[in-house]
Amino acid sequence: MGALLALASAACYGVVDFAGGLLSRRVHFAVVTFLGQVGGLVFAVVAALALPAEGVQAVDL
């Protein structure tokens, strides 16, 4: 499961990096950065809800 998540993470990073480079040519870089961070946060929250942990401790945060 860990290797699959790592592969998905690398693929998402590559796609987003490429798309961010293309968008930065048309839109101000700060807008692209902000929207990328918001999109990443939304994706992380959805992934956290879809793949719940058995237990989260303070050291995990």
N, C-alpha and C. Protein backbone atom coordinates (compact mmCIF):
# COMPACT_ATOMS: atom_id res chain seq x y z
N MET A 1 0.83 -1.20 0.00
CA MET A 1 0.00 0.00 0.00
C MET A 1 0.87 1.26 0.00
N GLY A 2 1.98 1.22 0.75
CA GLY A 2 2.86 2.38 0.81
C GLY A 2 3.48 2.71 -0.54
N ALA A 3 3.90 1.68 -1.27
CA ALA A 3 4.50 1.90 -2.58
C ALA A 3 3.48 2.48 -3.56
N LEU A 4 2.25 2.03 -3.48
CA LEU A 4 1.20 2.55 -4.35
C LEU A 4 0.92 4.02 -4.05
N LEU A 5 0.87 4.37 -2.78
CA LEU A 5 0.65 5.77 -2.41
C LEU A 5 1.83 6.65 -2.82
N ALA A 6 3.05 6.12 -2.71
CA ALA A 6 4.23 6.87 -3.14
C ALA A 6 4.21 7.10 -4.64
N LEU A 7 3.82 6.10 -5.40
CA LEU A 7 3.73 6.23 -6.85
C LEU A 7 2.65 7.25 -7.23
N ALA A 8 1.52 7.20 -6.57
CA ALA A 8 0.45 8.17 -6.84
C ALA A 8 0.90 9.58 -6.47
N SER A 9 1.63 9.71 -5.39
CA SER A 9 2.14 11.02 -4.98
C SER A 9 3.12 11.57 -6.00
N ALA A 10 4.02 10.73 -6.49
CA ALA A 10 4.99 11.17 -7.49
C ALA A 10 4.31 11.56 -8.80
N ALA A 11 3.30 10.81 -9.19
CA ALA A 11 2.57 11.13 -10.42
C ALA A 11 1.82 12.45 -10.28
N CYS A 12 1.17 12.65 -9.14
CA CYS A 12 0.46 13.91 -8.91
C CYS A 12 1.43 15.09 -8.89
N TYR A 13 2.58 14.91 -8.26
CA TYR A 13 3.57 15.98 -8.20
C TYR A 13 4.03 16.36 -9.60
N GLY A 14 4.29 15.37 -10.44
CA GLY A 14 4.74 15.64 -11.79
C GLY A 14 3.70 16.36 -12.62
N VAL A 15 2.47 15.92 -12.54
CA VAL A 15 1.39 16.56 -13.30
C VAL A 15 1.17 17.99 -12.83
N VAL A 16 1.15 18.19 -11.53
CA VAL A 16 0.90 19.53 -10.99
C VAL A 16 2.08 20.46 -11.29
N ASP A 17 3.29 19.96 -11.24
CA ASP A 17 4.46 20.78 -11.55
C ASP A 17 4.42 21.23 -13.01
N PHE A 18 4.09 20.33 -13.90
CA PHE A 18 3.98 20.66 -15.32
C PHE A 18 2.86 21.67 -15.56
N ALA A 19 1.69 21.41 -14.97
CA ALA A 19 0.55 22.31 -15.15
C ALA A 19 0.83 23.68 -14.54
N GLY A 20 1.50 23.70 -13.41
CA GLY A 20 1.84 24.98 -12.79
C GLY A 20 2.78 25.80 -13.64
N GLY A 21 3.73 25.13 -14.30
CA GLY A 21 4.63 25.84 -15.20
C GLY A 21 3.90 26.43 -16.38
N LEU A 22 2.97 25.68 -16.93
CA LEU A 22 2.18 26.20 -18.06
C LEU A 22 1.29 27.37 -17.63
N LEU A 23 0.64 27.22 -16.48
CA LEU A 23 -0.26 28.27 -16.02
C LEU A 23 0.48 29.54 -15.63
N SER A 24 1.71 29.40 -15.14
CA SER A 24 2.48 30.57 -14.73
C SER A 24 2.83 31.47 -15.90
N ARG A 25 2.76 30.96 -17.11
CA ARG A 25 3.01 31.80 -18.28
C ARG A 25 1.81 32.69 -18.59
N ARG A 26 0.62 32.29 -18.16
CA ARG A 26 -0.59 33.03 -18.50
C ARG A 26 -1.14 33.84 -17.32
N VAL A 27 -0.95 33.34 -16.11
CA VAL A 27 -1.52 33.96 -14.93
C VAL A 27 -0.36 34.30 -13.98
N HIS A 28 -0.56 35.28 -13.12
CA HIS A 28 0.48 35.67 -12.16
C HIS A 28 0.85 34.47 -11.28
N PHE A 29 2.14 34.34 -11.00
CA PHE A 29 2.62 33.17 -10.27
C PHE A 29 2.02 33.04 -8.88
N ALA A 30 1.69 34.15 -8.23
CA ALA A 30 1.12 34.09 -6.88
C ALA A 30 -0.27 33.45 -6.92
N VAL A 31 -1.03 33.71 -7.96
CA VAL A 31 -2.35 33.10 -8.10
C VAL A 31 -2.22 31.60 -8.29
N VAL A 32 -1.27 31.20 -9.14
CA VAL A 32 -1.04 29.77 -9.40
C VAL A 32 -0.59 29.07 -8.12
N THR A 33 0.30 29.70 -7.37
CA THR A 33 0.78 29.11 -6.12
C THR A 33 -0.34 28.97 -5.10
N PHE A 34 -1.14 30.01 -4.95
CA PHE A 34 -2.25 29.98 -3.99
C PHE A 34 -3.25 28.88 -4.34
N LEU A 35 -3.65 28.84 -5.61
CA LEU A 35 -4.62 27.82 -6.02
C LEU A 35 -4.04 26.41 -5.90
N GLY A 36 -2.76 26.27 -6.15
CA GLY A 36 -2.12 24.97 -5.98
C GLY A 36 -2.12 24.51 -4.53
N GLN A 37 -1.87 25.44 -3.62
CA GLN A 37 -1.88 25.09 -2.20
C GLN A 37 -3.28 24.75 -1.71
N VAL A 38 -4.27 25.51 -2.16
CA VAL A 38 -5.66 25.22 -1.78
C VAL A 38 -6.09 23.87 -2.34
N GLY A 39 -5.73 23.61 -3.60
CA GLY A 39 -6.06 22.32 -4.20
C GLY A 39 -5.40 21.16 -3.48
N GLY A 40 -4.16 21.34 -3.08
CA GLY A 40 -3.46 20.30 -2.33
C GLY A 40 -4.09 20.05 -0.98
N LEU A 41 -4.53 21.12 -0.32
CA LEU A 41 -5.19 20.96 0.97
C LEU A 41 -6.50 20.20 0.82
N VAL A 42 -7.28 20.54 -0.19
CA VAL A 42 -8.55 19.85 -0.42
C VAL A 42 -8.29 18.37 -0.71
N PHE A 43 -7.31 18.10 -1.56
CA PHE A 43 -6.97 16.71 -1.89
C PHE A 43 -6.52 15.94 -0.65
N ALA A 44 -5.70 16.57 0.20
CA ALA A 44 -5.22 15.90 1.41
C ALA A 44 -6.35 15.60 2.38
N VAL A 45 -7.29 16.53 2.51
CA VAL A 45 -8.42 16.30 3.41
C VAL A 45 -9.30 15.16 2.89
N VAL A 46 -9.55 15.15 1.59
CA VAL A 46 -10.36 14.07 1.00
C VAL A 46 -9.65 12.74 1.17
N ALA A 47 -8.34 12.70 0.93
CA ALA A 47 -7.58 11.46 1.09
C ALA A 47 -7.58 11.00 2.55
N ALA A 48 -7.48 11.93 3.48
CA ALA A 48 -7.49 11.58 4.89
C ALA A 48 -8.84 11.00 5.31
N LEU A 49 -9.90 11.52 4.73
CA LEU A 49 -11.23 10.99 5.06
C LEU A 49 -11.48 9.65 4.37
N ALA A 50 -10.92 9.46 3.18
CA ALA A 50 -11.13 8.22 2.44
C ALA A 50 -10.27 7.08 2.98
N LEU A 51 -9.10 7.40 3.51
CA LEU A 51 -8.18 6.39 4.05
C LEU A 51 -7.92 6.69 5.52
N PRO A 52 -8.90 6.44 6.38
CA PRO A 52 -8.73 6.81 7.79
C PRO A 52 -7.65 5.97 8.47
N ALA A 53 -6.95 6.60 9.40
CA ALA A 53 -5.93 5.91 10.18
C ALA A 53 -6.58 5.19 11.34
N GLU A 54 -5.93 4.15 11.80
CA GLU A 54 -6.46 3.41 12.95
C GLU A 54 -6.36 4.22 14.23
N GLY A 55 -5.31 5.01 14.31
CA GLY A 55 -5.12 5.86 15.47
C GLY A 55 -4.11 6.93 15.17
N VAL A 56 -4.39 8.16 15.53
CA VAL A 56 -3.47 9.26 15.30
C VAL A 56 -3.01 9.76 16.65
N GLN A 57 -1.68 9.85 16.78
CA GLN A 57 -1.09 10.32 18.02
C GLN A 57 -0.50 11.70 17.79
N ALA A 58 -0.15 12.37 18.87
CA ALA A 58 0.41 13.74 18.75
C ALA A 58 1.71 13.74 17.95
N VAL A 59 2.51 12.72 18.05
CA VAL A 59 3.78 12.67 17.32
C VAL A 59 3.54 12.56 15.81
N ASP A 60 2.42 12.01 15.38
CA ASP A 60 2.09 11.92 13.97
C ASP A 60 1.83 13.29 13.35
N LEU A 61 1.25 14.17 14.12
CA LEU A 61 0.94 15.51 13.63
C LEU A 61 2.19 16.30 13.47
